[in-house]
Amino acid sequence: MSVQPAFEWYAFDAAAPLAGAERAGAVVRDAAGRARALHFAPQRWLLPQPDDALLGQLLARESSAGGVLCDVTGRWCLLELPSPAAGRHPLQAAAAPELVLRDRDAAALWLFDCPVLLARGAAGFEVWVESSYADGFRAMLDRIEARPQAADA
């Protein structure tokens, strides 16, 4: 898991920090496929590794009472989970990720008693785990992955 510089934008005016991030559960990605903005709650976005231009725009909006920009570096750890070639995804032990993300690309929820942001990734799922829960979350996934899978009837 990796800890990255990150900010959260709390919009008072309900305006998204980036074009394309307006819809609830939207994820805006850069050309390399990295998440730039995850709309995870009403009027709230996670901004992993924002560039200086975006930070400057949001600070200007903050000064005009459009919202609040909070540095949350260290709060979230990114865990990328590829879809398995066969069988069930380990996240299904806590929730059905495809159902959670049925009509959205990101959602805030609890998995294995850990607060997470779940997002569709290029090859599976991205799980943004609150840092204080990261070791326990990874240990739970390791335990699930170590179990032999029951044959489907």
N, C-alpha and C. Protein backbone atom coordinates (compact mmCIF):
# COMPACT_ATOMS: atom_id res chain seq x y z
N MET A 1 0.84 -1.17 0.00
CA MET A 1 0.00 0.00 0.00
C MET A 1 0.88 1.23 0.00
N SER A 2 0.39 2.25 -0.65
CA SER A 2 1.19 3.46 -0.73
C SER A 2 0.43 4.65 -0.15
N VAL A 3 1.17 5.52 0.54
CA VAL A 3 0.62 6.76 1.05
C VAL A 3 1.06 7.85 0.10
N GLN A 4 0.12 8.65 -0.37
CA GLN A 4 0.40 9.69 -1.34
C GLN A 4 -0.07 11.04 -0.82
N PRO A 5 0.54 12.14 -1.31
CA PRO A 5 0.00 13.45 -0.96
C PRO A 5 -1.47 13.50 -1.40
N ALA A 6 -2.32 14.02 -0.56
CA ALA A 6 -3.74 14.06 -0.89
C ALA A 6 -4.42 15.22 -0.19
N PHE A 7 -5.50 15.67 -0.80
CA PHE A 7 -6.34 16.72 -0.24
C PHE A 7 -7.79 16.29 -0.36
N GLU A 8 -8.63 16.85 0.48
CA GLU A 8 -10.07 16.69 0.32
C GLU A 8 -10.66 18.07 0.11
N TRP A 9 -11.61 18.15 -0.82
CA TRP A 9 -12.31 19.39 -1.12
C TRP A 9 -13.73 19.26 -0.61
N TYR A 10 -14.13 20.19 0.25
CA TYR A 10 -15.49 20.28 0.79
C TYR A 10 -16.12 21.51 0.14
N ALA A 11 -17.03 21.32 -0.79
CA ALA A 11 -17.61 22.43 -1.54
C ALA A 11 -18.86 22.96 -0.84
N PHE A 12 -18.88 24.24 -0.56
CA PHE A 12 -20.08 24.87 0.00
C PHE A 12 -21.08 25.17 -1.10
N ASP A 13 -20.57 25.41 -2.31
CA ASP A 13 -21.42 25.77 -3.43
C ASP A 13 -21.78 24.57 -4.31
N ALA A 14 -21.40 23.37 -3.89
CA ALA A 14 -21.66 22.12 -4.59
C ALA A 14 -20.93 22.02 -5.93
N ALA A 15 -20.00 22.93 -6.21
CA ALA A 15 -19.26 22.88 -7.46
C ALA A 15 -18.10 21.89 -7.34
N ALA A 16 -17.97 21.03 -8.33
CA ALA A 16 -16.91 20.02 -8.34
C ALA A 16 -15.55 20.69 -8.53
N PRO A 17 -14.49 20.07 -8.02
CA PRO A 17 -13.15 20.65 -8.17
C PRO A 17 -12.61 20.51 -9.59
N LEU A 18 -13.11 19.54 -10.34
CA LEU A 18 -12.67 19.30 -11.72
C LEU A 18 -13.87 18.99 -12.59
N ALA A 19 -13.79 19.37 -13.85
CA ALA A 19 -14.85 19.01 -14.79
C ALA A 19 -14.93 17.49 -14.88
N GLY A 20 -16.13 16.97 -14.88
CA GLY A 20 -16.34 15.52 -14.94
C GLY A 20 -16.55 14.88 -13.59
N ALA A 21 -16.30 15.63 -12.52
CA ALA A 21 -16.42 15.07 -11.17
C ALA A 21 -17.72 15.48 -10.49
N GLU A 22 -18.68 16.02 -11.24
CA GLU A 22 -19.91 16.52 -10.64
C GLU A 22 -20.84 15.41 -10.17
N ARG A 23 -20.96 14.35 -10.93
CA ARG A 23 -21.90 13.26 -10.62
C ARG A 23 -21.46 12.53 -9.36
N ALA A 24 -22.41 12.21 -8.50
CA ALA A 24 -22.11 11.44 -7.29
C ALA A 24 -21.43 10.13 -7.68
N GLY A 25 -20.31 9.85 -7.06
CA GLY A 25 -19.58 8.62 -7.35
C GLY A 25 -18.67 8.71 -8.56
N ALA A 26 -18.49 9.90 -9.13
CA ALA A 26 -17.64 10.05 -10.30
C ALA A 26 -16.16 9.99 -9.91
N VAL A 27 -15.35 9.49 -10.84
CA VAL A 27 -13.90 9.50 -10.69
C VAL A 27 -13.32 10.13 -11.95
N VAL A 28 -12.48 11.14 -11.78
CA VAL A 28 -11.78 11.76 -12.91
C VAL A 28 -10.36 11.22 -12.88
N ARG A 29 -9.88 10.77 -14.03
CA ARG A 29 -8.54 10.19 -14.13
C ARG A 29 -7.69 10.99 -15.10
N ASP A 30 -6.36 10.92 -14.91
CA ASP A 30 -5.45 11.58 -15.84
C ASP A 30 -5.17 10.63 -17.00
N ALA A 31 -4.32 11.06 -17.92
CA ALA A 31 -4.03 10.26 -19.11
C ALA A 31 -3.40 8.91 -18.77
N ALA A 32 -2.71 8.83 -17.64
CA ALA A 32 -2.09 7.57 -17.22
C ALA A 32 -3.05 6.67 -16.45
N GLY A 33 -4.27 7.14 -16.23
CA GLY A 33 -5.27 6.33 -15.52
C GLY A 33 -5.29 6.53 -14.02
N ARG A 34 -4.46 7.44 -13.48
CA ARG A 34 -4.45 7.70 -12.04
C ARG A 34 -5.64 8.59 -11.66
N ALA A 35 -6.24 8.29 -10.53
CA ALA A 35 -7.36 9.09 -10.05
C ALA A 35 -6.89 10.49 -9.69
N ARG A 36 -7.62 11.50 -10.20
CA ARG A 36 -7.35 12.89 -9.84
C ARG A 36 -8.39 13.42 -8.87
N ALA A 37 -9.63 12.91 -8.98
CA ALA A 37 -10.72 13.35 -8.09
C ALA A 37 -11.71 12.22 -7.94
N LEU A 38 -12.05 11.89 -6.70
CA LEU A 38 -13.07 10.88 -6.41
C LEU A 38 -14.19 11.57 -5.63
N HIS A 39 -15.38 11.58 -6.20
CA HIS A 39 -16.54 12.19 -5.54
C HIS A 39 -17.15 11.12 -4.65
N PHE A 40 -16.81 11.14 -3.37
CA PHE A 40 -17.16 10.02 -2.49
C PHE A 40 -18.30 10.31 -1.53
N ALA A 41 -18.71 11.56 -1.40
CA ALA A 41 -19.83 11.92 -0.51
C ALA A 41 -20.40 13.24 -1.03
N PRO A 42 -21.61 13.59 -0.60
CA PRO A 42 -22.18 14.85 -1.08
C PRO A 42 -21.24 16.03 -0.82
N GLN A 43 -20.89 16.70 -1.90
CA GLN A 43 -20.05 17.90 -1.85
C GLN A 43 -18.65 17.63 -1.30
N ARG A 44 -18.16 16.37 -1.42
CA ARG A 44 -16.81 16.02 -0.93
C ARG A 44 -16.07 15.19 -1.98
N TRP A 45 -14.80 15.56 -2.18
CA TRP A 45 -13.95 14.87 -3.15
C TRP A 45 -12.59 14.59 -2.53
N LEU A 46 -12.03 13.43 -2.84
CA LEU A 46 -10.64 13.12 -2.52
C LEU A 46 -9.83 13.49 -3.76
N LEU A 47 -8.72 14.20 -3.54
CA LEU A 47 -7.85 14.65 -4.63
C LEU A 47 -6.45 14.09 -4.40
N PRO A 48 -6.17 12.88 -4.88
CA PRO A 48 -4.84 12.31 -4.70
C PRO A 48 -3.82 13.01 -5.61
N GLN A 49 -2.71 13.38 -5.06
CA GLN A 49 -1.60 13.99 -5.79
C GLN A 49 -2.06 15.13 -6.72
N PRO A 50 -2.76 16.13 -6.19
CA PRO A 50 -3.20 17.21 -7.07
C PRO A 50 -2.03 18.06 -7.55
N ASP A 51 -2.15 18.58 -8.76
CA ASP A 51 -1.08 19.44 -9.27
C ASP A 51 -1.24 20.86 -8.70
N ASP A 52 -0.21 21.67 -8.88
CA ASP A 52 -0.21 23.02 -8.32
C ASP A 52 -1.33 23.88 -8.90
N ALA A 53 -1.66 23.68 -10.17
CA ALA A 53 -2.72 24.48 -10.79
C ALA A 53 -4.06 24.21 -10.12
N LEU A 54 -4.38 22.95 -9.88
CA LEU A 54 -5.65 22.61 -9.22
C LEU A 54 -5.67 23.15 -7.79
N LEU A 55 -4.57 23.00 -7.08
CA LEU A 55 -4.51 23.52 -5.70
C LEU A 55 -4.71 25.04 -5.69
N GLY A 56 -4.11 25.73 -6.64
CA GLY A 56 -4.28 27.18 -6.72
C GLY A 56 -5.73 27.57 -6.99
N GLN A 57 -6.38 26.84 -7.89
CA GLN A 57 -7.80 27.14 -8.19
C GLN A 57 -8.66 26.91 -6.95
N LEU A 58 -8.42 25.83 -6.25
CA LEU A 58 -9.24 25.53 -5.08
C LEU A 58 -8.97 26.49 -3.93
N LEU A 59 -7.72 26.91 -3.77
CA LEU A 59 -7.42 27.91 -2.74
C LEU A 59 -8.11 29.23 -3.05
N ALA A 60 -8.19 29.58 -4.32
CA ALA A 60 -8.91 30.80 -4.71
C ALA A 60 -10.41 30.66 -4.42
N ARG A 61 -10.96 29.50 -4.70
CA ARG A 61 -12.38 29.26 -4.39
C ARG A 61 -12.61 29.26 -2.89
N GLU A 62 -11.65 28.73 -2.14
CA GLU A 62 -11.76 28.72 -0.68
C GLU A 62 -11.80 30.15 -0.14
N SER A 63 -10.96 31.02 -0.69
CA SER A 63 -10.91 32.39 -0.19
C SER A 63 -12.19 33.17 -0.51
N SER A 64 -12.95 32.70 -1.50
CA SER A 64 -14.24 33.34 -1.81
C SER A 64 -15.41 32.57 -1.21
N ALA A 65 -15.13 31.75 -0.19
CA ALA A 65 -16.13 30.97 0.55
C ALA A 65 -16.83 29.93 -0.30
N GLY A 66 -16.12 29.39 -1.30
CA GLY A 66 -16.71 28.34 -2.12
C GLY A 66 -16.52 26.94 -1.54
N GLY A 67 -15.65 26.84 -0.55
CA GLY A 67 -15.40 25.53 0.05
C GLY A 67 -14.18 25.57 0.93
N VAL A 68 -13.75 24.39 1.36
CA VAL A 68 -12.57 24.25 2.21
C VAL A 68 -11.69 23.15 1.63
N LEU A 69 -10.40 23.45 1.51
CA LEU A 69 -9.42 22.49 1.04
C LEU A 69 -8.63 22.01 2.25
N CYS A 70 -8.63 20.70 2.49
CA CYS A 70 -7.94 20.12 3.65
C CYS A 70 -6.83 19.19 3.18
N ASP A 71 -5.64 19.39 3.71
CA ASP A 71 -4.52 18.49 3.43
C ASP A 71 -4.74 17.23 4.25
N VAL A 72 -4.94 16.12 3.59
CA VAL A 72 -5.16 14.84 4.27
C VAL A 72 -4.06 13.83 3.92
N THR A 73 -2.88 14.36 3.58
CA THR A 73 -1.75 13.48 3.29
C THR A 73 -1.52 12.57 4.49
N GLY A 74 -1.41 11.31 4.23
CA GLY A 74 -1.23 10.33 5.29
C GLY A 74 -2.53 9.72 5.78
N ARG A 75 -3.66 10.29 5.42
CA ARG A 75 -4.94 9.73 5.88
C ARG A 75 -5.30 8.48 5.10
N TRP A 76 -5.04 8.47 3.80
CA TRP A 76 -5.47 7.37 2.94
C TRP A 76 -4.28 6.60 2.39
N CYS A 77 -4.39 5.28 2.33
CA CYS A 77 -3.42 4.41 1.68
C CYS A 77 -4.12 3.75 0.50
N LEU A 78 -3.48 3.75 -0.65
CA LEU A 78 -4.05 3.14 -1.84
C LEU A 78 -3.61 1.69 -1.95
N LEU A 79 -4.59 0.82 -2.13
CA LEU A 79 -4.35 -0.59 -2.37
C LEU A 79 -5.05 -0.93 -3.69
N GLU A 80 -4.29 -1.39 -4.67
CA GLU A 80 -4.88 -1.76 -5.96
C GLU A 80 -5.06 -3.26 -5.99
N LEU A 81 -6.28 -3.68 -6.25
CA LEU A 81 -6.61 -5.11 -6.25
C LEU A 81 -7.08 -5.52 -7.64
N PRO A 82 -6.27 -6.29 -8.36
CA PRO A 82 -6.70 -6.74 -9.68
C PRO A 82 -7.85 -7.72 -9.56
N SER A 83 -8.64 -7.78 -10.60
CA SER A 83 -9.70 -8.79 -10.64
C SER A 83 -9.06 -10.15 -10.78
N PRO A 84 -9.52 -11.14 -10.04
CA PRO A 84 -8.92 -12.47 -10.15
C PRO A 84 -9.23 -13.09 -11.51
N ALA A 85 -8.32 -13.94 -11.97
CA ALA A 85 -8.54 -14.61 -13.26
C ALA A 85 -9.76 -15.51 -13.19
N ALA A 86 -9.97 -16.11 -12.06
CA ALA A 86 -11.14 -16.98 -11.88
C ALA A 86 -11.54 -16.94 -10.42
N GLY A 87 -12.79 -17.18 -10.17
CA GLY A 87 -13.26 -17.24 -8.80
C GLY A 87 -13.73 -15.90 -8.27
N ARG A 88 -13.98 -15.90 -6.97
CA ARG A 88 -14.52 -14.71 -6.32
C ARG A 88 -13.42 -13.73 -5.96
N HIS A 89 -13.78 -12.46 -5.94
CA HIS A 89 -12.84 -11.42 -5.52
C HIS A 89 -12.79 -11.42 -3.99
N PRO A 90 -11.62 -11.24 -3.37
CA PRO A 90 -11.53 -11.26 -1.91
C PRO A 90 -12.42 -10.21 -1.24
N LEU A 91 -12.70 -9.10 -1.91
CA LEU A 91 -13.58 -8.09 -1.32
C LEU A 91 -15.00 -8.61 -1.12
N GLN A 92 -15.37 -9.64 -1.86
CA GLN A 92 -16.73 -10.17 -1.75
C GLN A 92 -17.00 -10.81 -0.39
N ALA A 93 -15.97 -11.02 0.39
CA ALA A 93 -16.18 -11.53 1.75
C ALA A 93 -16.85 -10.47 2.62
N ALA A 94 -16.74 -9.19 2.22
CA ALA A 94 -17.34 -8.10 2.99
C ALA A 94 -18.48 -7.43 2.25
N ALA A 95 -18.39 -7.36 0.91
CA ALA A 95 -19.42 -6.69 0.10
C ALA A 95 -19.22 -7.13 -1.35
N ALA A 96 -20.25 -6.97 -2.13
CA ALA A 96 -20.16 -7.26 -3.57
C ALA A 96 -19.74 -5.97 -4.28
N PRO A 97 -18.46 -5.83 -4.64
CA PRO A 97 -17.99 -4.56 -5.19
C PRO A 97 -18.76 -4.12 -6.43
N GLU A 98 -19.14 -5.05 -7.29
CA GLU A 98 -19.87 -4.68 -8.50
C GLU A 98 -21.26 -4.13 -8.16
N LEU A 99 -21.87 -4.62 -7.10
CA LEU A 99 -23.16 -4.08 -6.69
C LEU A 99 -23.01 -2.72 -6.02
N VAL A 100 -21.98 -2.57 -5.20
CA VAL A 100 -21.73 -1.28 -4.54
C VAL A 100 -21.49 -0.20 -5.60
N LEU A 101 -20.76 -0.55 -6.65
CA LEU A 101 -20.40 0.40 -7.69
C LEU A 101 -21.31 0.30 -8.92
N ARG A 102 -22.47 -0.28 -8.75
CA ARG A 102 -23.36 -0.54 -9.89
C ARG A 102 -23.55 0.69 -10.78
N ASP A 103 -23.93 1.83 -10.21
CA ASP A 103 -24.21 3.02 -11.00
C ASP A 103 -23.25 4.17 -10.70
N ARG A 104 -22.06 3.81 -10.21
CA ARG A 104 -21.07 4.84 -9.86
C ARG A 104 -19.67 4.25 -10.01
N ASP A 105 -18.68 5.10 -9.97
CA ASP A 105 -17.29 4.66 -10.07
C ASP A 105 -16.55 4.68 -8.74
N ALA A 106 -17.15 5.32 -7.72
CA ALA A 106 -16.52 5.38 -6.40
C ALA A 106 -17.61 5.44 -5.33
N ALA A 107 -17.29 4.89 -4.17
CA ALA A 107 -18.22 4.92 -3.04
C ALA A 107 -17.44 4.86 -1.74
N ALA A 108 -17.96 5.52 -0.73
CA ALA A 108 -17.41 5.42 0.62
C ALA A 108 -18.20 4.36 1.37
N LEU A 109 -17.50 3.44 2.03
CA LEU A 109 -18.17 2.39 2.79
C LEU A 109 -17.20 1.79 3.79
N TRP A 110 -17.67 0.82 4.54
CA TRP A 110 -16.84 0.08 5.49
C TRP A 110 -16.69 -1.33 4.96
N LEU A 111 -15.44 -1.80 4.89
CA LEU A 111 -15.15 -3.18 4.52
C LEU A 111 -14.28 -3.77 5.62
N PHE A 112 -14.66 -4.92 6.15
CA PHE A 112 -13.93 -5.57 7.25
C PHE A 112 -13.76 -4.59 8.42
N ASP A 113 -14.78 -3.84 8.73
CA ASP A 113 -14.77 -2.85 9.80
C ASP A 113 -13.74 -1.75 9.60
N CYS A 114 -13.39 -1.47 8.33
CA CYS A 114 -12.44 -0.42 8.00
C CYS A 114 -13.10 0.60 7.08
N PRO A 115 -12.94 1.90 7.36
CA PRO A 115 -13.47 2.90 6.43
C PRO A 115 -12.62 2.96 5.18
N VAL A 116 -13.29 2.86 4.03
CA VAL A 116 -12.59 2.85 2.74
C VAL A 116 -13.35 3.68 1.71
N LEU A 117 -12.61 4.05 0.67
CA LEU A 117 -13.20 4.55 -0.56
C LEU A 117 -12.90 3.48 -1.60
N LEU A 118 -13.94 2.98 -2.23
CA LEU A 118 -13.79 1.92 -3.23
C LEU A 118 -14.02 2.55 -4.60
N ALA A 119 -13.13 2.26 -5.56
CA ALA A 119 -13.26 2.80 -6.91
C ALA A 119 -12.93 1.72 -7.93
N ARG A 120 -13.56 1.85 -9.07
CA ARG A 120 -13.20 0.98 -10.19
C ARG A 120 -11.81 1.39 -10.66
N GLY A 121 -10.97 0.40 -10.90
CA GLY A 121 -9.64 0.65 -11.45
C GLY A 121 -9.55 0.06 -12.84
N ALA A 122 -8.44 0.29 -13.51
CA ALA A 122 -8.25 -0.21 -14.87
C ALA A 122 -8.31 -1.73 -14.93
N ALA A 123 -7.75 -2.41 -13.92
CA ALA A 123 -7.68 -3.87 -13.96
C ALA A 123 -8.36 -4.52 -12.77
N GLY A 124 -9.21 -3.78 -12.08
CA GLY A 124 -9.86 -4.34 -10.90
C GLY A 124 -10.45 -3.23 -10.06
N PHE A 125 -9.99 -3.14 -8.81
CA PHE A 125 -10.52 -2.14 -7.89
C PHE A 125 -9.39 -1.40 -7.19
N GLU A 126 -9.63 -0.14 -6.90
CA GLU A 126 -8.75 0.65 -6.05
C GLU A 126 -9.46 0.78 -4.71
N VAL A 127 -8.74 0.51 -3.64
CA VAL A 127 -9.30 0.66 -2.30
C VAL A 127 -8.42 1.67 -1.58
N TRP A 128 -9.03 2.79 -1.22
CA TRP A 128 -8.36 3.82 -0.44
C TRP A 128 -8.74 3.56 1.01
N VAL A 129 -7.82 3.00 1.78
CA VAL A 129 -8.07 2.60 3.16
C VAL A 129 -7.52 3.68 4.09
N GLU A 130 -8.30 4.03 5.12
CA GLU A 130 -7.77 4.97 6.11
C GLU A 130 -6.51 4.35 6.71
N SER A 131 -5.45 5.13 6.77
CA SER A 131 -4.12 4.63 7.13
C SER A 131 -4.07 3.85 8.43
N SER A 132 -4.80 4.29 9.43
CA SER A 132 -4.74 3.59 10.72
C SER A 132 -5.35 2.20 10.64
N TYR A 133 -6.10 1.91 9.59
CA TYR A 133 -6.72 0.60 9.41
C TYR A 133 -5.99 -0.26 8.36
N ALA A 134 -4.98 0.31 7.69
CA ALA A 134 -4.38 -0.34 6.53
C ALA A 134 -3.77 -1.71 6.84
N ASP A 135 -3.04 -1.83 7.94
CA ASP A 135 -2.42 -3.13 8.25
C ASP A 135 -3.47 -4.20 8.51
N GLY A 136 -4.50 -3.87 9.26
CA GLY A 136 -5.57 -4.83 9.53
C GLY A 136 -6.33 -5.20 8.28
N PHE A 137 -6.56 -4.23 7.40
CA PHE A 137 -7.26 -4.49 6.15
C PHE A 137 -6.46 -5.46 5.29
N ARG A 138 -5.16 -5.18 5.14
CA ARG A 138 -4.29 -6.05 4.32
C ARG A 138 -4.21 -7.45 4.93
N ALA A 139 -4.12 -7.55 6.26
CA ALA A 139 -4.07 -8.85 6.92
C ALA A 139 -5.34 -9.64 6.66
N MET A 140 -6.49 -8.98 6.67
CA MET A 140 -7.75 -9.67 6.40
C MET A 140 -7.77 -10.18 4.96
N LEU A 141 -7.34 -9.37 4.01
CA LEU A 141 -7.29 -9.83 2.61
C LEU A 141 -6.35 -11.02 2.46
N ASP A 142 -5.20 -10.96 3.13
CA ASP A 142 -4.24 -12.07 3.06
C ASP A 142 -4.86 -13.36 3.60
N ARG A 143 -5.62 -13.25 4.70
CA ARG A 143 -6.27 -14.44 5.27
C ARG A 143 -7.30 -15.01 4.30
N ILE A 144 -8.06 -14.13 3.67
CA ILE A 144 -9.08 -14.59 2.72
C ILE A 144 -8.43 -15.24 1.51
N GLU A 145 -7.39 -14.62 0.99
CA GLU A 145 -6.71 -15.15 -0.20
C GLU A 145 -6.03 -16.48 0.09
N ALA A 146 -5.63 -16.72 1.34
CA ALA A 146 -4.95 -17.97 1.72
C ALA A 146 -5.90 -19.14 1.85
N ARG A 147 -7.18 -18.85 2.01
CA ARG A 147 -8.17 -19.92 2.16
C ARG A 147 -8.41 -20.63 0.84
N PRO A 148 -8.55 -21.94 0.88
CA PRO A 148 -8.91 -22.65 -0.36
C PRO A 148 -10.33 -22.28 -0.73
N GLN A 149 -10.57 -22.11 -2.04
CA GLN A 149 -11.91 -21.78 -2.50
C GLN A 149 -12.77 -23.02 -2.57
N ALA A 150 -14.00 -22.90 -2.09
CA ALA A 150 -14.95 -24.01 -2.19
C ALA A 150 -15.39 -24.16 -3.63
N ALA A 151 -15.62 -25.36 -4.04
CA ALA A 151 -16.10 -25.61 -5.40
C ALA A 151 -17.53 -25.11 -5.50
N ASP A 152 -17.82 -24.41 -6.60
CA ASP A 152 -19.19 -23.93 -6.83
C ASP A 152 -20.09 -25.09 -7.20
N ALA A 153 -21.25 -25.10 -6.60
CA ALA A 153 -22.20 -26.20 -6.88
C ALA A 153 -23.04 -25.89 -8.08
